[in-house]
Protein backbone atom coordinates (compact mmCIF):
# COMPACT_ATOMS: atom_id res chain seq x y z
CA MET A 1 -107.35 -56.95 64.57
CA GLN A 2 -109.00 -55.27 67.54
CA SER A 3 -108.81 -51.62 68.52
CA SER A 4 -110.44 -49.11 70.82
CA VAL A 5 -109.99 -45.38 71.33
CA GLU A 6 -110.17 -43.26 74.47
CA LYS A 7 -110.61 -39.49 74.54
CA THR A 8 -108.05 -38.02 76.96
CA SER A 9 -108.75 -34.33 76.25
CA ALA A 10 -110.48 -32.12 73.70
CA ILE A 11 -107.92 -33.20 71.12
CA GLY A 12 -106.05 -35.98 72.95
CA ARG A 13 -106.60 -39.59 71.95
CA LYS A 14 -105.32 -42.91 73.30
CA MET A 15 -105.82 -45.91 71.05
CA ASN A 16 -105.27 -49.54 72.05
CA VAL A 17 -104.47 -51.83 69.14
CA VAL A 18 -104.19 -55.62 69.22
CA VAL A 19 -102.17 -57.29 66.45
CA PRO A 20 -103.20 -60.99 66.12
CA ALA A 21 -100.50 -63.57 66.73
CA ASP A 22 -101.10 -65.27 63.37
CA LYS A 23 -100.54 -61.98 61.52
CA ILE A 24 -97.24 -61.50 63.32
CA GLU A 25 -96.23 -65.11 62.62
CA THR A 26 -97.01 -64.81 58.91
CA ALA A 27 -94.86 -61.69 58.64
CA VAL A 28 -92.00 -63.22 60.65
CA GLN A 29 -91.98 -66.38 58.53
CA ALA A 30 -91.93 -64.34 55.32
CA ARG A 31 -88.97 -62.39 56.66
CA LEU A 32 -87.14 -65.56 57.71
CA LYS A 33 -87.66 -66.97 54.22
CA GLN A 34 -86.02 -63.86 52.75
CA LEU A 35 -83.12 -64.19 55.19
CA SER A 36 -82.62 -67.88 54.41
CA LYS A 37 -81.59 -67.02 50.86
CA ARG A 38 -78.51 -65.06 51.94
CA VAL A 39 -77.50 -66.08 55.48
CA LYS A 40 -74.21 -67.90 55.83
CA ILE A 41 -73.99 -70.73 58.34
CA GLN A 42 -70.97 -73.01 58.50
CA GLY A 43 -71.59 -76.41 56.93
CA PHE A 44 -74.35 -75.24 54.60
CA ARG A 45 -74.30 -73.74 51.14
CA PRO A 46 -75.95 -70.29 50.78
CA GLY A 47 -79.69 -70.71 50.30
CA LYS A 48 -79.64 -74.30 51.53
CA VAL A 49 -79.80 -73.68 55.29
CA PRO A 50 -82.82 -75.51 56.82
CA MET A 51 -85.60 -73.13 57.91
CA LYS A 52 -85.52 -74.62 61.41
CA ILE A 53 -81.90 -73.50 61.89
CA VAL A 54 -82.56 -70.12 60.30
CA GLU A 55 -85.44 -69.58 62.71
CA GLN A 56 -83.39 -70.64 65.72
CA GLN A 57 -80.69 -68.07 64.95
CA TYR A 58 -82.61 -65.24 63.29
CA ARG A 59 -86.15 -65.22 64.69
CA GLY A 60 -85.40 -62.27 66.97
CA THR A 61 -83.92 -60.27 64.09
CA ALA A 62 -86.84 -61.13 61.81
CA THR A 63 -89.36 -60.15 64.48
CA ASN A 64 -87.70 -56.78 65.05
CA ASP A 65 -87.57 -56.21 61.29
CA VAL A 66 -91.30 -56.70 60.76
CA LEU A 67 -92.65 -55.28 64.02
CA GLY A 68 -92.27 -51.60 63.09
CA GLU A 69 -94.11 -52.08 59.81
CA LEU A 70 -96.81 -54.18 61.50
CA ILE A 71 -97.39 -51.43 64.08
CA GLN A 72 -97.72 -48.78 61.37
CA THR A 73 -100.07 -50.79 59.13
CA SER A 74 -102.17 -51.94 62.10
CA LEU A 75 -102.39 -48.36 63.39
CA GLN A 76 -103.52 -47.09 59.97
CA GLU A 77 -106.21 -49.77 59.77
CA ALA A 78 -107.38 -48.96 63.31
CA LEU A 79 -107.49 -45.23 62.56
CA GLN A 80 -109.62 -45.82 59.48
CA GLY A 81 -112.02 -47.87 61.55
CA GLN A 82 -112.30 -45.11 64.19
CA ASP A 83 -112.33 -42.18 61.74
CA GLU A 84 -109.55 -40.42 63.65
CA VAL A 85 -106.83 -38.32 61.96
CA PRO A 86 -103.66 -37.66 64.02
CA ALA A 87 -102.38 -34.13 63.74
CA VAL A 88 -98.93 -35.28 64.85
CA GLN A 89 -96.89 -38.48 64.81
CA PRO A 90 -98.39 -40.82 67.47
CA ASP A 91 -96.31 -41.99 70.42
CA ILE A 92 -96.22 -45.80 70.47
CA MET A 93 -95.99 -47.77 73.71
CA PRO A 94 -96.01 -51.64 73.66
CA GLU A 95 -98.04 -53.27 76.43
CA ALA A 96 -95.53 -56.10 76.66
CA PRO A 97 -92.65 -57.51 74.57
CA VAL A 98 -93.75 -59.53 71.55
CA GLU A 99 -93.91 -63.29 72.15
CA LYS A 100 -94.36 -66.16 69.73
CA GLY A 101 -97.95 -67.39 69.60
CA LYS A 102 -99.37 -64.40 71.49
CA ASP A 103 -101.23 -61.35 70.31
CA PHE A 104 -99.22 -58.13 70.46
CA THR A 105 -100.88 -55.08 72.05
CA PHE A 106 -99.65 -51.50 71.84
CA THR A 107 -101.00 -48.05 72.73
CA ALA A 108 -100.83 -45.07 70.37
CA SER A 109 -101.19 -41.65 71.98
CA PHE A 110 -101.73 -38.63 69.76
CA ASP A 111 -103.54 -35.33 69.26
CA VAL A 112 -106.13 -34.79 66.53
CA TYR A 113 -106.78 -31.49 64.78
CA PRO A 114 -108.92 -29.17 66.91
CA GLU A 115 -112.43 -28.28 65.77
CA PHE A 116 -112.93 -24.56 65.29
CA GLU A 117 -116.33 -23.03 65.90
CA LYS A 118 -115.94 -19.69 64.11
CA LEU A 119 -114.15 -19.49 60.76
CA ASP A 120 -115.35 -15.98 59.94
CA LEU A 121 -115.52 -12.63 61.70
CA GLU A 122 -119.19 -11.92 61.23
CA GLY A 123 -120.27 -9.46 63.93
CA VAL A 124 -116.69 -8.97 65.18
CA LYS A 125 -115.45 -5.37 65.39
CA ILE A 126 -112.20 -4.72 63.54
CA LEU A 127 -110.42 -1.36 63.61
CA LYS A 128 -108.98 -0.71 60.16
CA PRO A 129 -106.08 1.76 60.33
CA GLN A 130 -106.14 4.54 57.76
CA SER A 131 -103.39 7.07 57.09
CA ALA A 132 -101.82 9.31 54.49
CA VAL A 133 -98.42 10.91 54.00
CA GLU A 134 -98.48 14.62 54.87
CA GLU A 135 -96.06 17.41 53.96
CA ALA A 136 -94.85 17.42 57.55
CA ASP A 137 -93.82 13.76 57.16
CA ILE A 138 -91.81 14.57 54.05
CA GLU A 139 -90.21 17.51 55.85
CA ARG A 140 -89.31 15.28 58.79
CA VAL A 141 -87.51 12.82 56.50
CA VAL A 142 -85.66 15.58 54.64
CA GLU A 143 -84.59 17.01 57.98
CA ASN A 144 -83.21 13.63 59.04
CA MET A 145 -81.37 13.44 55.70
CA ARG A 146 -79.79 16.81 56.52
CA LYS A 147 -78.72 15.50 59.94
CA GLN A 148 -76.98 12.60 58.22
CA GLN A 149 -74.73 15.15 56.51
CA LEU A 150 -74.24 17.66 59.31
CA SER A 151 -70.79 19.15 59.87
CA TRP A 152 -69.22 20.78 62.94
CA LYS A 153 -68.04 24.36 63.29
CA GLU A 154 -65.80 25.35 66.19
CA VAL A 155 -67.08 28.11 68.48
CA LYS A 156 -65.53 30.13 71.29
CA ARG A 157 -68.63 30.31 73.50
CA LYS A 158 -69.73 28.01 76.30
CA SER A 159 -70.97 24.60 75.25
CA LYS A 160 -74.68 23.91 75.24
CA LYS A 161 -77.10 21.11 74.35
CA GLY A 162 -76.52 19.87 70.80
CA ASP A 163 -72.86 20.93 70.72
CA ARG A 164 -69.96 18.53 70.36
CA ALA A 165 -67.12 18.84 72.83
CA ILE A 166 -63.76 17.14 72.28
CA VAL A 167 -62.33 16.38 75.73
CA ASP A 168 -59.53 14.63 77.57
CA PHE A 169 -60.53 13.16 80.91
CA VAL A 170 -59.10 11.17 83.79
CA GLY A 171 -61.26 9.59 86.48
CA ARG A 172 -60.14 8.74 89.99
CA ILE A 173 -61.76 6.99 92.94
CA ASP A 174 -60.12 7.70 96.31
CA GLY A 175 -57.28 9.34 94.38
CA GLU A 176 -56.56 6.26 92.26
CA GLU A 177 -57.17 6.01 88.53
CA PHE A 178 -59.41 3.10 87.45
CA GLU A 179 -59.68 1.02 84.31
CA GLY A 180 -61.79 2.63 81.58
CA GLY A 181 -61.80 6.02 83.29
CA LYS A 182 -59.33 7.77 81.01
CA ALA A 183 -59.50 8.98 77.38
CA SER A 184 -58.01 11.53 75.01
CA ASP A 185 -59.71 13.47 72.19
CA TYR A 186 -63.04 11.95 73.18
CA PRO A 187 -66.08 13.41 71.35
CA VAL A 188 -69.21 14.05 73.43
CA VAL A 189 -72.40 15.36 71.80
CA LEU A 190 -74.30 17.05 74.61
CA GLY A 191 -77.88 15.88 74.98
CA GLU A 192 -77.53 12.54 73.20
CA GLY A 193 -77.16 10.62 76.45
CA GLN A 194 -74.02 8.78 75.37
CA MET A 195 -72.38 9.52 78.72
CA LEU A 196 -73.66 9.45 82.31
CA PRO A 197 -75.89 12.45 83.17
CA ASP A 198 -73.42 13.82 85.76
CA PHE A 199 -70.62 13.65 83.20
CA GLU A 200 -72.56 15.53 80.50
CA LYS A 201 -73.78 18.04 83.04
CA GLY A 202 -70.17 18.73 84.01
CA ILE A 203 -69.09 19.37 80.41
CA LYS A 204 -72.06 21.61 79.64
CA GLY A 205 -71.02 25.27 79.93
CA MET A 206 -67.30 24.64 79.38
CA LYS A 207 -65.31 26.58 76.77
CA ALA A 208 -62.44 25.32 74.65
CA GLY A 209 -59.24 25.41 76.71
CA GLU A 210 -61.00 25.16 80.09
CA SER A 211 -60.26 22.49 82.68
CA LYS A 212 -62.33 21.46 85.69
CA ASP A 213 -62.95 18.64 88.16
CA ILE A 214 -66.42 17.13 88.45
CA GLU A 215 -67.94 14.38 90.56
CA VAL A 216 -69.79 11.54 88.84
CA THR A 217 -71.79 8.90 90.72
CA PHE A 218 -72.14 5.59 88.91
CA PRO A 219 -75.57 3.88 89.04
CA ALA A 220 -75.78 0.93 91.41
CA ASP A 221 -76.20 -1.48 88.50
CA TYR A 222 -73.42 0.05 86.34
CA ASN A 223 -71.00 -2.83 86.88
CA GLU A 224 -69.50 -4.84 89.72
CA GLU A 225 -66.38 -2.64 90.10
CA LEU A 226 -67.91 0.85 89.81
CA GLY A 227 -71.61 0.47 90.66
CA GLY A 228 -72.72 2.95 93.34
CA LYS A 229 -69.30 4.60 93.63
CA THR A 230 -68.47 8.29 93.13
CA ALA A 231 -65.50 9.27 90.98
CA THR A 232 -63.75 12.59 90.46
CA PHE A 233 -63.06 13.36 86.79
CA THR A 234 -60.56 15.96 85.60
CA ILE A 235 -61.87 17.24 82.26
CA ASP A 236 -59.96 19.30 79.71
CA ALA A 237 -62.16 20.77 76.97
CA LYS A 238 -60.08 20.94 73.78
CA THR A 239 -62.73 22.18 71.34
CA VAL A 240 -66.42 23.07 71.32
CA SER A 241 -68.32 22.88 68.01
CA GLU A 242 -71.87 23.57 66.96
CA PRO A 243 -73.74 21.50 64.35
CA VAL A 244 -74.13 22.92 60.86
CA LEU A 245 -76.85 21.41 58.68
CA PRO A 246 -76.45 21.55 54.88
CA GLU A 247 -78.82 23.61 52.80
CA VAL A 248 -81.38 21.66 50.78
CA ASP A 249 -79.96 22.68 47.43
CA GLU A 250 -78.76 21.11 44.18
CA GLU A 251 -75.56 19.78 45.73
CA PHE A 252 -77.47 18.23 48.64
CA VAL A 253 -79.97 16.54 46.29
CA LYS A 254 -77.23 15.13 44.07
CA SER A 255 -75.51 13.59 47.12
CA PHE A 256 -78.48 11.22 47.35
CA GLY A 257 -78.10 10.00 43.76
CA ILE A 258 -80.60 12.32 42.06
CA GLU A 259 -78.57 13.64 39.14
CA SER A 260 -81.00 16.42 38.25
CA GLY A 261 -80.37 18.11 41.59
CA ASP A 262 -84.07 19.03 41.64
CA VAL A 263 -85.36 19.48 45.19
CA ALA A 264 -88.92 18.73 44.04
CA GLU A 265 -87.75 15.39 42.63
CA LEU A 266 -86.10 14.53 45.94
CA ARG A 267 -89.28 15.33 47.87
CA ALA A 268 -91.35 13.31 45.38
CA GLU A 269 -89.07 10.31 45.87
CA VAL A 270 -89.25 10.68 49.64
CA LYS A 271 -93.05 10.79 49.42
CA SER A 272 -93.16 7.71 47.19
CA ASN A 273 -90.98 5.74 49.58
CA LEU A 274 -93.04 6.84 52.56
CA GLU A 275 -96.26 5.83 50.81
CA THR A 276 -94.84 2.39 49.97
CA ASN A 277 -93.74 1.83 53.57
CA LEU A 278 -97.03 3.20 54.89
CA GLU A 279 -99.05 0.85 52.69
CA SER A 280 -97.00 -2.07 54.01
CA GLN A 281 -97.50 -0.99 57.64
CA LEU A 282 -101.24 -0.46 57.21
CA SER A 283 -101.59 -3.89 55.65
CA ALA A 284 -99.49 -5.55 58.35
CA GLN A 285 -101.39 -3.90 61.19
CA LEU A 286 -104.78 -4.79 59.72
CA ARG A 287 -103.64 -8.35 59.11
CA GLN A 288 -102.46 -8.66 62.70
CA ARG A 289 -105.75 -7.32 64.06
CA VAL A 290 -107.74 -9.73 61.89
CA PHE A 291 -105.62 -12.69 62.99
CA ASP A 292 -105.81 -11.67 66.66
CA ALA A 293 -109.61 -11.47 66.40
CA LEU A 294 -109.75 -14.86 64.67
CA THR A 295 -107.66 -16.64 67.31
CA GLU A 296 -109.55 -14.86 70.10
CA ALA A 297 -112.82 -16.21 68.70
CA ASN A 298 -111.41 -19.75 68.53
CA LYS A 299 -109.68 -20.41 71.81
CA THR A 300 -108.98 -24.13 71.90
CA GLU A 301 -106.33 -26.68 72.76
CA VAL A 302 -103.68 -27.24 70.08
CA PRO A 303 -101.29 -30.22 69.66
CA LEU A 304 -98.40 -29.93 72.12
CA LYS A 305 -95.91 -31.44 69.67
CA MET A 306 -96.75 -28.73 67.17
CA VAL A 307 -96.27 -26.09 69.86
CA ARG A 308 -92.85 -27.48 70.77
CA GLU A 309 -91.81 -27.53 67.11
CA GLU A 310 -93.01 -23.94 66.69
CA ALA A 311 -91.10 -22.85 69.79
CA SER A 312 -87.92 -24.39 68.35
CA ARG A 313 -88.60 -22.63 65.06
CA MET A 314 -88.99 -19.31 66.92
CA VAL A 315 -85.58 -19.78 68.57
CA LYS A 316 -83.98 -20.51 65.19
CA GLU A 317 -85.63 -17.44 63.64
CA GLN A 318 -84.33 -15.24 66.46
CA LYS A 319 -80.80 -16.60 66.11
CA ASN A 320 -80.86 -16.14 62.32
CA GLN A 321 -81.96 -12.52 62.78
CA MET A 322 -79.12 -11.92 65.23
CA VAL A 323 -76.59 -13.43 62.79
CA GLN A 324 -77.95 -11.21 60.00
CA GLN A 325 -77.42 -8.22 62.30
CA GLY A 326 -73.74 -9.12 62.51
CA ILE A 327 -73.52 -11.21 65.68
CA ASP A 328 -70.95 -14.01 65.51
CA PRO A 329 -72.80 -17.40 65.42
CA LYS A 330 -70.20 -18.81 67.82
CA MET A 331 -71.29 -16.31 70.46
CA LEU A 332 -74.84 -17.66 70.30
CA GLU A 333 -73.60 -21.13 71.24
CA ASN A 334 -72.80 -19.85 74.74
CA PHE A 335 -76.31 -18.52 75.35
CA PRO A 336 -78.96 -21.01 76.53
CA ASP A 337 -82.23 -21.15 74.60
CA PRO A 338 -85.28 -19.63 76.34
CA GLU A 339 -87.35 -22.01 78.45
CA PHE A 340 -90.24 -23.64 76.59
CA GLU A 341 -92.75 -22.25 79.09
CA VAL A 342 -91.63 -18.71 78.19
CA LEU A 343 -92.19 -19.29 74.47
CA LYS A 344 -95.26 -21.49 74.85
CA PRO A 345 -98.02 -18.79 74.80
CA GLN A 346 -96.74 -17.21 71.59
CA ALA A 347 -96.03 -20.59 70.00
CA GLU A 348 -99.55 -21.79 70.85
CA LYS A 349 -101.01 -18.70 69.20
CA ARG A 350 -98.95 -19.20 66.07
CA VAL A 351 -99.91 -22.86 65.82
CA ALA A 352 -103.60 -22.07 66.35
CA LEU A 353 -103.48 -19.39 63.65
CA GLY A 354 -101.77 -21.74 61.22
CA LEU A 355 -104.41 -24.42 61.75
CA LEU A 356 -107.21 -21.87 61.42
CA MET A 357 -105.77 -20.60 58.14
CA MET A 358 -105.48 -24.14 56.80
CA GLU A 359 -109.10 -24.88 57.72
CA ILE A 360 -110.43 -21.68 56.14
CA ILE A 361 -108.44 -22.29 52.95
CA ARG A 362 -109.64 -25.89 52.81
CA LYS A 363 -113.31 -25.16 53.46
CA GLN A 364 -113.45 -22.12 51.19
CA GLU A 365 -111.31 -23.86 48.56
CA ILE A 366 -109.13 -20.78 48.21
CA LYS A 367 -106.35 -20.90 45.61
CA PRO A 368 -103.60 -18.28 45.12
CA ASP A 369 -104.86 -15.57 42.77
CA GLU A 370 -102.45 -15.70 39.83
CA GLU A 371 -102.91 -12.01 38.97
CA ARG A 372 -102.12 -10.97 42.54
CA VAL A 373 -99.08 -13.26 42.61
CA ASN A 374 -97.75 -11.73 39.37
CA ALA A 375 -98.48 -8.20 40.59
CA ARG A 376 -96.60 -8.80 43.84
CA ILE A 377 -93.59 -10.24 42.01
CA GLU A 378 -93.58 -7.24 39.66
CA LYS A 379 -93.73 -4.86 42.62
CA MET A 380 -90.87 -6.66 44.36
CA ALA A 381 -88.83 -6.55 41.16
CA SER A 382 -89.32 -2.79 40.68
CA SER A 383 -86.68 -1.98 43.29
CA TYR A 384 -83.97 -3.99 41.49
CA GLU A 385 -81.69 -2.80 38.70
CA GLN A 386 -82.66 -5.73 36.45
CA PRO A 387 -86.32 -6.41 37.26
CA GLU A 388 -86.78 -8.81 34.33
CA GLU A 389 -84.22 -11.22 35.76
CA PHE A 390 -85.84 -10.98 39.20
CA VAL A 391 -89.28 -11.83 37.76
CA GLN A 392 -87.88 -14.72 35.73
CA TYR A 393 -86.14 -16.15 38.80
CA TYR A 394 -89.30 -16.11 40.91
CA LYS A 395 -91.45 -17.60 38.18
CA SER A 396 -88.99 -20.40 37.41
CA ASN A 397 -88.05 -21.25 41.02
CA GLN A 398 -90.81 -23.26 42.69
CA GLU A 399 -89.62 -22.58 46.23
CA ALA A 400 -89.42 -18.81 45.67
CA LEU A 401 -92.77 -18.79 43.85
CA ALA A 402 -94.38 -20.76 46.69
CA GLN A 403 -93.28 -18.10 49.18
CA VAL A 404 -95.05 -15.38 47.20
CA GLN A 405 -98.12 -17.57 46.72
CA SER A 406 -98.25 -18.12 50.48
CA ILE A 407 -98.22 -14.35 51.11
CA VAL A 408 -100.96 -13.78 48.55
CA LEU A 409 -103.03 -16.62 49.97
CA GLU A 410 -102.78 -15.01 53.39
CA GLU A 411 -103.95 -11.70 51.93
CA GLN A 412 -106.92 -13.43 50.30
CA VAL A 413 -107.93 -14.96 53.63
CA VAL A 414 -107.72 -11.54 55.30
CA ASP A 415 -109.89 -10.04 52.54
CA LEU A 416 -112.43 -12.82 53.01
CA LEU A 417 -112.57 -12.34 56.77
CA ILE A 418 -112.87 -8.56 56.48
CA GLU A 419 -115.91 -8.90 54.21
CA LYS A 420 -118.10 -10.11 57.08
CA ALA A 421 -116.44 -8.23 59.94
CA ASP A 422 -117.83 -5.08 61.52
CA VAL A 423 -115.12 -2.75 60.19
CA GLU A 424 -114.53 0.66 61.75
CA VAL A 425 -111.94 3.04 60.31
CA GLU A 426 -109.26 4.35 62.67
CA ASN A 427 -107.25 7.37 61.52
CA VAL A 428 -103.59 7.14 62.46
CA GLU A 429 -100.75 9.56 61.77
CA ALA A 430 -98.21 8.24 59.27
CA SER A 431 -95.35 9.28 61.56
CA THR A 432 -96.72 7.01 64.28
CA LEU A 433 -97.14 4.00 62.00
CA LEU A 434 -93.72 4.47 60.45
CA ASN A 435 -92.07 5.18 63.83
CA MET A 436 -90.51 8.30 62.37
CA GLN A 437 -88.04 10.22 64.48
CA ALA A 438 -88.88 13.84 65.19
């Protein structure tokens, strides 16, 4: 068997392989012999059909049967001779149809794994975020908890920002009512931006029982029917109420499941939750910075097939997330998938990172740290009512255990990379990292 390889790019390879005619013939004859034992031809008993007749009728079938296996075995032999390892399944292209008595030549095109020059971050600057939960952060969360339980108290004064007005309204354009421009007992919280600015501005300053006409101009891109038009709305203010926040007392604390009603216990729980979330965010941000630095230091071509597969995986992930958020899967069928070129840059980065991680793990012979795996499972279980069952499930389910091991392995790689990096601490406010609302 003859073979030769051509380098088409940094990772692209094109291999020509010649399968000798006698090798093909030997395989075809062996296949015909197998067929002869079970083929049925009129006038002959099963297994007694002359090979010449079997070959006349079944040579094409036998050739097709053995050709795929011959291509694969010949390709493997050729690859071993050239010391090339395909990163993806090769694309096979025959030079010409197979003919009896002639050598068969085919071309295999494939990408090999890229060679990475820098598998550490020695000398690379990495900003390591550092943060801590402050009393102001706890206060901010408690305040948001109060807002979740606010009530409304009717007032006789003019409405202002933060108030809730219950209104009836009718909108008209050129004296005619339009679809969607009418409502009764409609609540509007001033300042939340739930209505158009002109509409809120018109309600602001109204008292309960007042009626007025206001003009509202719809933005040009509002919709096809109303965009750019000006409507006159007749508004009747039925009630105006101001928000009343609950006191942070025993009753308030108990409403969040803390039976003791102790405010200090509530604040301690809030702090603990914030610290857990903060630790997760700090770890995630550092990990992302390390991975960004690693891929930046190893810019190289990656296998296109892998990139396409990753892009498809990204689309599936996005759709799954949308379904989990409550979107009907049938609705997603009507939306076209993003173009590959749009997803390609991110998919390339993800593929490159995956290959880099594999290479670091292989060269450094990193194995999942069993203690870290157990610690992570225990931590995950702590938020469940029956943590023992959770731990048992993860330790007895290979797929679930592998997921945790993969996370820990990733953490170990990050730790290894950080050891040699030029690390500089960056202080960040917890409220910023946790995207806390004021």
